[in-house]
Amino acid sequence: MEALSGVPAWVDTIVVHPDTISDPRLYRRLGRRLAIENMDRRKQAGHTAEDLEAVFAELPEARLCLDFAHAKDVDPTLAVAADLLQRFASRLSHVHLSSLDEARHHITLTDEDQLLFRPFLDRCRDVPWILEARPPW
């Protein structure tokens, strides 16, 4: 956490995985700069709106980084993503866009996932979209 406190003020968002937060009080000083990312099934928690509700209760100013590939990994119907958007739309800071391979590594967004994510992305037009994968070249 000490290293995060030294991040320059011009960096407006610091994305943190909820499973790395051992003492939420230490992260409160980041205020709205802090964005909590939803997790894939490799992690024990941080998958659902219920999981993140507990984190946001401890970090009331934190925002949400919605990772659609992680949401799909948890629930291929994307009901998890819909619930996250429904409950935390006012906290949304940005989205991560990619697909996942069999080992759950981020890869370039597939055509299938692009179509699957599209209805949700229409609700995320006011925040940055981060393409979270290595370029194909």
N, C-alpha and C. Protein backbone atom coordinates (compact mmCIF):
# COMPACT_ATOMS: atom_id res chain seq x y z
N MET A 1 0.82 -1.19 0.00
CA MET A 1 0.00 0.00 0.00
C MET A 1 0.87 1.26 0.00
N GLU A 2 2.00 1.21 0.64
CA GLU A 2 2.88 2.37 0.71
C GLU A 2 3.28 2.84 -0.68
N ALA A 3 3.55 1.92 -1.57
CA ALA A 3 3.92 2.26 -2.95
C ALA A 3 2.79 2.98 -3.66
N LEU A 4 1.55 2.57 -3.41
CA LEU A 4 0.41 3.21 -4.06
C LEU A 4 0.23 4.66 -3.60
N SER A 5 0.59 4.93 -2.37
CA SER A 5 0.48 6.30 -1.86
C SER A 5 1.42 7.25 -2.60
N GLY A 6 2.49 6.72 -3.16
CA GLY A 6 3.45 7.54 -3.87
C GLY A 6 3.13 7.74 -5.34
N VAL A 7 2.03 7.16 -5.82
CA VAL A 7 1.66 7.34 -7.22
C VAL A 7 1.30 8.81 -7.43
N PRO A 8 1.83 9.46 -8.48
CA PRO A 8 1.58 10.89 -8.70
C PRO A 8 0.09 11.22 -8.75
N ALA A 9 -0.26 12.42 -8.32
CA ALA A 9 -1.65 12.85 -8.25
C ALA A 9 -2.32 12.90 -9.62
N TRP A 10 -1.53 13.05 -10.70
CA TRP A 10 -2.14 13.11 -12.03
C TRP A 10 -2.66 11.76 -12.49
N VAL A 11 -2.29 10.67 -11.80
CA VAL A 11 -2.87 9.35 -12.07
C VAL A 11 -4.21 9.31 -11.35
N ASP A 12 -5.29 9.29 -12.13
CA ASP A 12 -6.60 9.44 -11.50
C ASP A 12 -7.27 8.13 -11.10
N THR A 13 -6.73 6.98 -11.55
CA THR A 13 -7.33 5.70 -11.17
C THR A 13 -6.24 4.67 -10.91
N ILE A 14 -6.40 3.98 -9.80
CA ILE A 14 -5.51 2.88 -9.43
C ILE A 14 -6.40 1.65 -9.25
N VAL A 15 -6.23 0.67 -10.13
CA VAL A 15 -7.05 -0.54 -10.09
C VAL A 15 -6.41 -1.56 -9.14
N VAL A 16 -7.23 -2.11 -8.25
CA VAL A 16 -6.76 -3.06 -7.26
C VAL A 16 -7.67 -4.29 -7.29
N HIS A 17 -7.07 -5.46 -7.16
CA HIS A 17 -7.84 -6.69 -7.03
C HIS A 17 -8.28 -6.81 -5.58
N PRO A 18 -9.54 -7.11 -5.34
CA PRO A 18 -10.04 -7.11 -3.96
C PRO A 18 -9.35 -8.12 -3.05
N ASP A 19 -8.85 -9.21 -3.60
CA ASP A 19 -8.20 -10.22 -2.76
C ASP A 19 -6.85 -9.77 -2.23
N THR A 20 -6.32 -8.65 -2.74
CA THR A 20 -5.03 -8.14 -2.25
C THR A 20 -5.20 -7.14 -1.12
N ILE A 21 -6.44 -6.81 -0.79
CA ILE A 21 -6.70 -5.82 0.25
C ILE A 21 -6.85 -6.53 1.59
N SER A 22 -5.80 -6.48 2.39
CA SER A 22 -5.86 -7.13 3.70
C SER A 22 -6.43 -6.19 4.76
N ASP A 23 -6.15 -4.91 4.63
CA ASP A 23 -6.66 -3.92 5.58
C ASP A 23 -7.26 -2.75 4.80
N PRO A 24 -8.58 -2.74 4.61
CA PRO A 24 -9.21 -1.69 3.80
C PRO A 24 -8.93 -0.27 4.29
N ARG A 25 -8.69 -0.11 5.57
CA ARG A 25 -8.42 1.24 6.11
C ARG A 25 -7.23 1.89 5.42
N LEU A 26 -6.24 1.08 5.05
CA LEU A 26 -5.05 1.61 4.40
C LEU A 26 -5.34 2.16 3.01
N TYR A 27 -6.38 1.65 2.37
CA TYR A 27 -6.75 2.05 1.01
C TYR A 27 -7.70 3.23 0.97
N ARG A 28 -8.32 3.55 2.09
CA ARG A 28 -9.30 4.65 2.11
C ARG A 28 -8.69 5.98 1.69
N ARG A 29 -7.42 6.17 1.98
CA ARG A 29 -6.78 7.45 1.64
C ARG A 29 -6.70 7.67 0.12
N LEU A 30 -6.88 6.62 -0.67
CA LEU A 30 -6.89 6.77 -2.13
C LEU A 30 -8.21 7.34 -2.63
N GLY A 31 -9.25 7.27 -1.80
CA GLY A 31 -10.54 7.86 -2.14
C GLY A 31 -11.06 7.37 -3.48
N ARG A 32 -11.48 8.30 -4.35
CA ARG A 32 -12.05 7.97 -5.66
C ARG A 32 -11.01 7.52 -6.67
N ARG A 33 -9.74 7.64 -6.33
CA ARG A 33 -8.70 7.14 -7.23
C ARG A 33 -8.70 5.62 -7.26
N LEU A 34 -9.22 5.00 -6.21
CA LEU A 34 -9.21 3.55 -6.09
C LEU A 34 -10.36 2.94 -6.88
N ALA A 35 -10.05 1.96 -7.73
CA ALA A 35 -11.07 1.21 -8.46
C ALA A 35 -10.87 -0.27 -8.16
N ILE A 36 -11.94 -0.92 -7.76
CA ILE A 36 -11.90 -2.34 -7.44
C ILE A 36 -12.35 -3.13 -8.67
N GLU A 37 -11.55 -4.10 -9.08
CA GLU A 37 -11.86 -4.90 -10.27
C GLU A 37 -12.54 -6.21 -9.88
N ASN A 38 -13.59 -6.57 -10.61
CA ASN A 38 -14.21 -7.88 -10.39
C ASN A 38 -13.26 -8.97 -10.89
N MET A 39 -13.32 -10.12 -10.24
CA MET A 39 -12.35 -11.18 -10.48
C MET A 39 -12.92 -12.35 -11.28
N ASP A 40 -12.01 -13.15 -11.86
CA ASP A 40 -12.41 -14.39 -12.53
C ASP A 40 -12.39 -15.53 -11.51
N ARG A 41 -12.69 -16.74 -11.97
CA ARG A 41 -12.82 -17.88 -11.06
C ARG A 41 -11.51 -18.35 -10.44
N ARG A 42 -10.37 -17.86 -10.90
CA ARG A 42 -9.10 -18.24 -10.27
C ARG A 42 -9.01 -17.70 -8.86
N LYS A 43 -9.74 -16.64 -8.59
CA LYS A 43 -9.71 -16.01 -7.27
C LYS A 43 -10.82 -16.59 -6.39
N GLN A 44 -10.63 -16.51 -5.10
CA GLN A 44 -11.61 -17.05 -4.15
C GLN A 44 -12.85 -16.18 -4.03
N ALA A 45 -12.70 -14.89 -4.25
CA ALA A 45 -13.82 -13.96 -4.06
C ALA A 45 -13.66 -12.78 -5.02
N GLY A 46 -14.61 -11.86 -4.94
CA GLY A 46 -14.55 -10.68 -5.79
C GLY A 46 -15.24 -10.88 -7.12
N HIS A 47 -16.08 -11.92 -7.22
CA HIS A 47 -16.74 -12.27 -8.47
C HIS A 47 -18.05 -11.54 -8.69
N THR A 48 -18.83 -11.40 -7.66
CA THR A 48 -20.22 -10.97 -7.78
C THR A 48 -20.46 -9.61 -7.12
N ALA A 49 -21.63 -9.07 -7.38
CA ALA A 49 -22.01 -7.81 -6.74
C ALA A 49 -22.03 -7.97 -5.22
N GLU A 50 -22.47 -9.13 -4.75
CA GLU A 50 -22.48 -9.37 -3.30
C GLU A 50 -21.07 -9.33 -2.73
N ASP A 51 -20.14 -9.96 -3.44
CA ASP A 51 -18.73 -9.93 -2.98
C ASP A 51 -18.22 -8.49 -2.91
N LEU A 52 -18.50 -7.73 -3.96
CA LEU A 52 -17.96 -6.36 -4.01
C LEU A 52 -18.72 -5.41 -3.09
N GLU A 53 -19.96 -5.72 -2.77
CA GLU A 53 -20.72 -4.89 -1.83
C GLU A 53 -19.97 -4.78 -0.50
N ALA A 54 -19.42 -5.89 -0.03
CA ALA A 54 -18.66 -5.88 1.22
C ALA A 54 -17.41 -5.01 1.12
N VAL A 55 -16.74 -5.07 -0.03
CA VAL A 55 -15.54 -4.26 -0.24
C VAL A 55 -15.92 -2.78 -0.28
N PHE A 56 -16.97 -2.44 -1.02
CA PHE A 56 -17.38 -1.05 -1.12
C PHE A 56 -17.91 -0.51 0.21
N ALA A 57 -18.44 -1.37 1.07
CA ALA A 57 -18.86 -0.92 2.40
C ALA A 57 -17.66 -0.44 3.20
N GLU A 58 -16.52 -1.09 2.99
CA GLU A 58 -15.28 -0.70 3.68
C GLU A 58 -14.58 0.47 2.99
N LEU A 59 -14.84 0.63 1.70
CA LEU A 59 -14.18 1.66 0.89
C LEU A 59 -15.25 2.47 0.16
N PRO A 60 -15.95 3.33 0.88
CA PRO A 60 -17.13 4.00 0.32
C PRO A 60 -16.88 4.91 -0.87
N GLU A 61 -15.66 5.38 -1.06
CA GLU A 61 -15.37 6.25 -2.21
C GLU A 61 -14.82 5.49 -3.41
N ALA A 62 -14.50 4.23 -3.23
CA ALA A 62 -13.90 3.44 -4.31
C ALA A 62 -14.87 3.29 -5.46
N ARG A 63 -14.29 3.11 -6.65
CA ARG A 63 -15.08 2.93 -7.86
C ARG A 63 -14.93 1.49 -8.36
N LEU A 64 -15.61 1.18 -9.45
CA LEU A 64 -15.61 -0.16 -10.02
C LEU A 64 -14.89 -0.17 -11.36
N CYS A 65 -14.00 -1.15 -11.52
CA CYS A 65 -13.42 -1.48 -12.81
C CYS A 65 -14.09 -2.78 -13.23
N LEU A 66 -14.94 -2.70 -14.23
CA LEU A 66 -15.69 -3.87 -14.67
C LEU A 66 -14.94 -4.61 -15.77
N ASP A 67 -14.48 -5.80 -15.46
CA ASP A 67 -13.77 -6.64 -16.42
C ASP A 67 -14.77 -7.65 -16.99
N PHE A 68 -15.14 -7.45 -18.25
CA PHE A 68 -16.15 -8.30 -18.86
C PHE A 68 -15.69 -9.74 -19.06
N ALA A 69 -14.42 -9.96 -19.36
CA ALA A 69 -13.92 -11.33 -19.51
C ALA A 69 -14.00 -12.07 -18.18
N HIS A 70 -13.69 -11.38 -17.09
CA HIS A 70 -13.81 -12.00 -15.78
C HIS A 70 -15.27 -12.34 -15.47
N ALA A 71 -16.16 -11.41 -15.78
CA ALA A 71 -17.59 -11.64 -15.53
C ALA A 71 -18.08 -12.85 -16.33
N LYS A 72 -17.65 -12.96 -17.57
CA LYS A 72 -18.05 -14.10 -18.40
C LYS A 72 -17.48 -15.40 -17.84
N ASP A 73 -16.28 -15.37 -17.32
CA ASP A 73 -15.68 -16.57 -16.74
C ASP A 73 -16.50 -17.06 -15.55
N VAL A 74 -17.00 -16.14 -14.76
CA VAL A 74 -17.81 -16.49 -13.59
C VAL A 74 -19.20 -16.95 -14.01
N ASP A 75 -19.75 -16.29 -15.04
CA ASP A 75 -21.12 -16.60 -15.49
C ASP A 75 -21.24 -16.33 -16.98
N PRO A 76 -21.20 -17.38 -17.80
CA PRO A 76 -21.25 -17.20 -19.26
C PRO A 76 -22.50 -16.49 -19.77
N THR A 77 -23.55 -16.41 -18.97
CA THR A 77 -24.76 -15.67 -19.40
C THR A 77 -24.60 -14.17 -19.18
N LEU A 78 -23.58 -13.78 -18.46
CA LEU A 78 -23.30 -12.39 -18.11
C LEU A 78 -24.31 -11.78 -17.14
N ALA A 79 -25.08 -12.62 -16.45
CA ALA A 79 -25.97 -12.09 -15.41
C ALA A 79 -25.15 -11.40 -14.32
N VAL A 80 -23.94 -11.88 -14.06
CA VAL A 80 -23.05 -11.25 -13.08
C VAL A 80 -22.70 -9.83 -13.53
N ALA A 81 -22.38 -9.66 -14.80
CA ALA A 81 -22.06 -8.33 -15.32
C ALA A 81 -23.28 -7.42 -15.23
N ALA A 82 -24.44 -7.94 -15.56
CA ALA A 82 -25.67 -7.15 -15.48
C ALA A 82 -25.92 -6.68 -14.06
N ASP A 83 -25.71 -7.57 -13.10
CA ASP A 83 -25.92 -7.21 -11.69
C ASP A 83 -24.89 -6.19 -11.23
N LEU A 84 -23.65 -6.36 -11.63
CA LEU A 84 -22.61 -5.38 -11.27
C LEU A 84 -22.96 -4.00 -11.82
N LEU A 85 -23.38 -3.96 -13.08
CA LEU A 85 -23.77 -2.68 -13.69
C LEU A 85 -25.00 -2.09 -13.01
N GLN A 86 -25.96 -2.93 -12.70
CA GLN A 86 -27.19 -2.45 -12.06
C GLN A 86 -26.89 -1.83 -10.70
N ARG A 87 -26.10 -2.52 -9.92
CA ARG A 87 -25.86 -2.08 -8.54
C ARG A 87 -24.79 -1.01 -8.41
N PHE A 88 -23.83 -0.99 -9.32
CA PHE A 88 -22.69 -0.10 -9.14
C PHE A 88 -22.45 0.84 -10.32
N ALA A 89 -23.46 1.13 -11.09
CA ALA A 89 -23.30 2.02 -12.25
C ALA A 89 -22.71 3.36 -11.85
N SER A 90 -23.09 3.87 -10.71
CA SER A 90 -22.59 5.18 -10.28
C SER A 90 -21.12 5.12 -9.87
N ARG A 91 -20.59 3.94 -9.66
CA ARG A 91 -19.18 3.77 -9.28
C ARG A 91 -18.29 3.42 -10.47
N LEU A 92 -18.87 3.15 -11.61
CA LEU A 92 -18.10 2.66 -12.76
C LEU A 92 -17.05 3.68 -13.19
N SER A 93 -15.78 3.27 -13.19
CA SER A 93 -14.70 4.17 -13.60
C SER A 93 -14.23 3.85 -15.01
N HIS A 94 -14.19 2.58 -15.37
CA HIS A 94 -13.83 2.14 -16.70
C HIS A 94 -14.08 0.64 -16.82
N VAL A 95 -13.93 0.13 -18.04
CA VAL A 95 -14.10 -1.31 -18.26
C VAL A 95 -12.82 -1.88 -18.87
N HIS A 96 -12.62 -3.15 -18.61
CA HIS A 96 -11.55 -3.91 -19.25
C HIS A 96 -12.21 -4.82 -20.28
N LEU A 97 -11.69 -4.79 -21.49
CA LEU A 97 -12.22 -5.59 -22.59
C LEU A 97 -11.17 -6.54 -23.11
N SER A 98 -11.52 -7.80 -23.15
CA SER A 98 -10.69 -8.84 -23.75
C SER A 98 -11.51 -10.11 -23.75
N SER A 99 -10.89 -11.16 -24.21
CA SER A 99 -11.43 -12.50 -24.04
C SER A 99 -10.42 -13.26 -23.19
N LEU A 100 -10.78 -14.45 -22.77
CA LEU A 100 -9.86 -15.30 -22.01
C LEU A 100 -9.61 -16.58 -22.78
N ASP A 101 -8.36 -17.07 -22.71
CA ASP A 101 -8.07 -18.37 -23.29
C ASP A 101 -8.39 -19.46 -22.26
N GLU A 102 -8.09 -20.71 -22.57
CA GLU A 102 -8.41 -21.83 -21.68
C GLU A 102 -7.72 -21.72 -20.32
N ALA A 103 -6.56 -21.08 -20.30
CA ALA A 103 -5.82 -20.90 -19.05
C ALA A 103 -6.21 -19.62 -18.32
N ARG A 104 -7.23 -18.95 -18.83
CA ARG A 104 -7.75 -17.69 -18.28
C ARG A 104 -6.74 -16.54 -18.40
N HIS A 105 -5.95 -16.55 -19.46
CA HIS A 105 -5.10 -15.41 -19.78
C HIS A 105 -5.87 -14.50 -20.72
N HIS A 106 -5.68 -13.21 -20.55
CA HIS A 106 -6.35 -12.24 -21.43
C HIS A 106 -5.78 -12.34 -22.84
N ILE A 107 -6.69 -12.40 -23.80
CA ILE A 107 -6.33 -12.43 -25.21
C ILE A 107 -7.18 -11.39 -25.94
N THR A 108 -6.84 -11.14 -27.19
CA THR A 108 -7.58 -10.19 -28.00
C THR A 108 -9.07 -10.56 -28.00
N LEU A 109 -9.90 -9.56 -27.93
CA LEU A 109 -11.35 -9.75 -27.92
C LEU A 109 -11.81 -10.54 -29.14
N THR A 110 -12.51 -11.63 -28.91
CA THR A 110 -13.02 -12.45 -30.02
C THR A 110 -14.30 -11.83 -30.57
N ASP A 111 -14.65 -12.21 -31.79
CA ASP A 111 -15.89 -11.74 -32.38
C ASP A 111 -17.10 -12.19 -31.55
N GLU A 112 -17.05 -13.41 -31.06
CA GLU A 112 -18.13 -13.95 -30.23
C GLU A 112 -18.33 -13.11 -28.97
N ASP A 113 -17.23 -12.80 -28.28
CA ASP A 113 -17.34 -11.99 -27.06
C ASP A 113 -17.76 -10.57 -27.37
N GLN A 114 -17.29 -10.04 -28.48
CA GLN A 114 -17.70 -8.69 -28.86
C GLN A 114 -19.23 -8.62 -28.99
N LEU A 115 -19.82 -9.60 -29.62
CA LEU A 115 -21.29 -9.63 -29.75
C LEU A 115 -21.97 -9.84 -28.40
N LEU A 116 -21.40 -10.69 -27.57
CA LEU A 116 -21.97 -10.97 -26.26
C LEU A 116 -21.90 -9.74 -25.35
N PHE A 117 -20.79 -9.01 -25.40
CA PHE A 117 -20.59 -7.86 -24.52
C PHE A 117 -21.32 -6.61 -25.00
N ARG A 118 -21.63 -6.54 -26.30
CA ARG A 118 -22.16 -5.31 -26.90
C ARG A 118 -23.33 -4.68 -26.13
N PRO A 119 -24.38 -5.43 -25.74
CA PRO A 119 -25.50 -4.78 -25.04
C PRO A 119 -25.08 -4.11 -23.73
N PHE A 120 -24.08 -4.67 -23.09
CA PHE A 120 -23.59 -4.10 -21.83
C PHE A 120 -22.71 -2.88 -22.10
N LEU A 121 -21.92 -2.95 -23.15
CA LEU A 121 -21.03 -1.83 -23.47
C LEU A 121 -21.82 -0.58 -23.86
N ASP A 122 -23.00 -0.77 -24.41
CA ASP A 122 -23.85 0.38 -24.71
C ASP A 122 -24.17 1.17 -23.44
N ARG A 123 -24.12 0.51 -22.29
CA ARG A 123 -24.40 1.16 -21.01
C ARG A 123 -23.13 1.75 -20.38
N CYS A 124 -21.99 1.59 -21.06
CA CYS A 124 -20.70 2.02 -20.51
C CYS A 124 -20.01 3.04 -21.40
N ARG A 125 -20.76 3.77 -22.16
CA ARG A 125 -20.17 4.71 -23.13
C ARG A 125 -19.51 5.93 -22.49
N ASP A 126 -19.81 6.20 -21.24
CA ASP A 126 -19.28 7.40 -20.59
C ASP A 126 -17.98 7.17 -19.83
N VAL A 127 -17.43 5.96 -19.94
CA VAL A 127 -16.18 5.66 -19.24
C VAL A 127 -15.18 5.08 -20.23
N PRO A 128 -13.89 5.17 -19.91
CA PRO A 128 -12.87 4.60 -20.81
C PRO A 128 -12.98 3.08 -20.91
N TRP A 129 -12.63 2.57 -22.08
CA TRP A 129 -12.55 1.13 -22.31
C TRP A 129 -11.08 0.78 -22.50
N ILE A 130 -10.59 -0.12 -21.69
CA ILE A 130 -9.19 -0.56 -21.78
C ILE A 130 -9.17 -1.91 -22.48
N LEU A 131 -8.46 -2.00 -23.59
CA LEU A 131 -8.29 -3.27 -24.29
C LEU A 131 -7.17 -4.02 -23.59
N GLU A 132 -7.54 -5.04 -22.84
CA GLU A 132 -6.60 -5.69 -21.93
C GLU A 132 -6.08 -7.00 -22.53
N ALA A 133 -5.22 -6.87 -23.51
CA ALA A 133 -4.61 -8.04 -24.14
C ALA A 133 -3.43 -7.58 -24.98
N ARG A 134 -2.53 -8.49 -25.22
CA ARG A 134 -1.41 -8.18 -26.09
C ARG A 134 -1.93 -7.98 -27.51
N PRO A 135 -1.35 -7.05 -28.24
CA PRO A 135 -1.79 -6.87 -29.62
C PRO A 135 -1.48 -8.12 -30.43
N PRO A 136 -2.25 -8.38 -31.49
CA PRO A 136 -2.06 -9.61 -32.26
C PRO A 136 -0.81 -9.59 -33.15
N TRP A 137 -0.13 -8.49 -33.26
CA TRP A 137 1.05 -8.44 -34.12
C TRP A 137 2.33 -8.56 -33.33
